[in-house]
Amino acid sequence: MSSQDERFPAAAPEPAGASADEGMTWWYRWLCRIAGVIGGMSCAFAGLWNCVTINPLNIAAGVWMMLNAFILFLCEAPFCCQFIEFANAVSARADGLRAWQKAAFYCGMAVFPVMLSLTLTTLFGNAIAFATGVLYGLSALGKKGDAISYARIHQQQKQMDEEKLTGTLEGQAL
């Protein structure tokens, strides 16, 4: 048992919807993580490039983009930050978030530098980080329904429409 486990012996149980799985397939979870790592790299390089200027808004946007890259690496790939003591704790907490929460966080995090300084560097640098948020948002929507359930719903609706139509015709015939 580590010293951290001894300090926090029993954590509160997770809510039922906040599990790490949340209905995501393994390949989609890896796609989101890889997109997050690539988004972090693009934010880091574009942020560094943005800082090479004299415009203070570009410098602020570049610093924010590098901060975004650091957060993306911490949340999606903690092994990249193995010498930072709290990296695993942050990653575990980020894994406990629901998909829509990650989506809102990543998209909001990527939009801020673009609002600060609207340049091609900030747009392209934050595009993949924003796409990571979109991927998490799509997973929050859930799976697409199967054709059988849609056909059943369509058939029930069609029967109800026919019953309404025949009910109004019988009412007119009297």
Foldseek 3Di string as FASTA:
>chain_A
DDPVCVVVVDDDDAPPCQALPNPPDPVLLVVLLVLLQVLLVLLQVLLVVQCPDDDVLSVVLSVLSNVSSVLSCLQRPLVVVVVDPCSVVSNVVSSRGALLVQLVVQLVSLVVSCVSPPDPSSCRSSVSSNVSSVSSVVVNVPDDDDPVVVVVVVVVVVVVVVVVVVVVVVVVVD
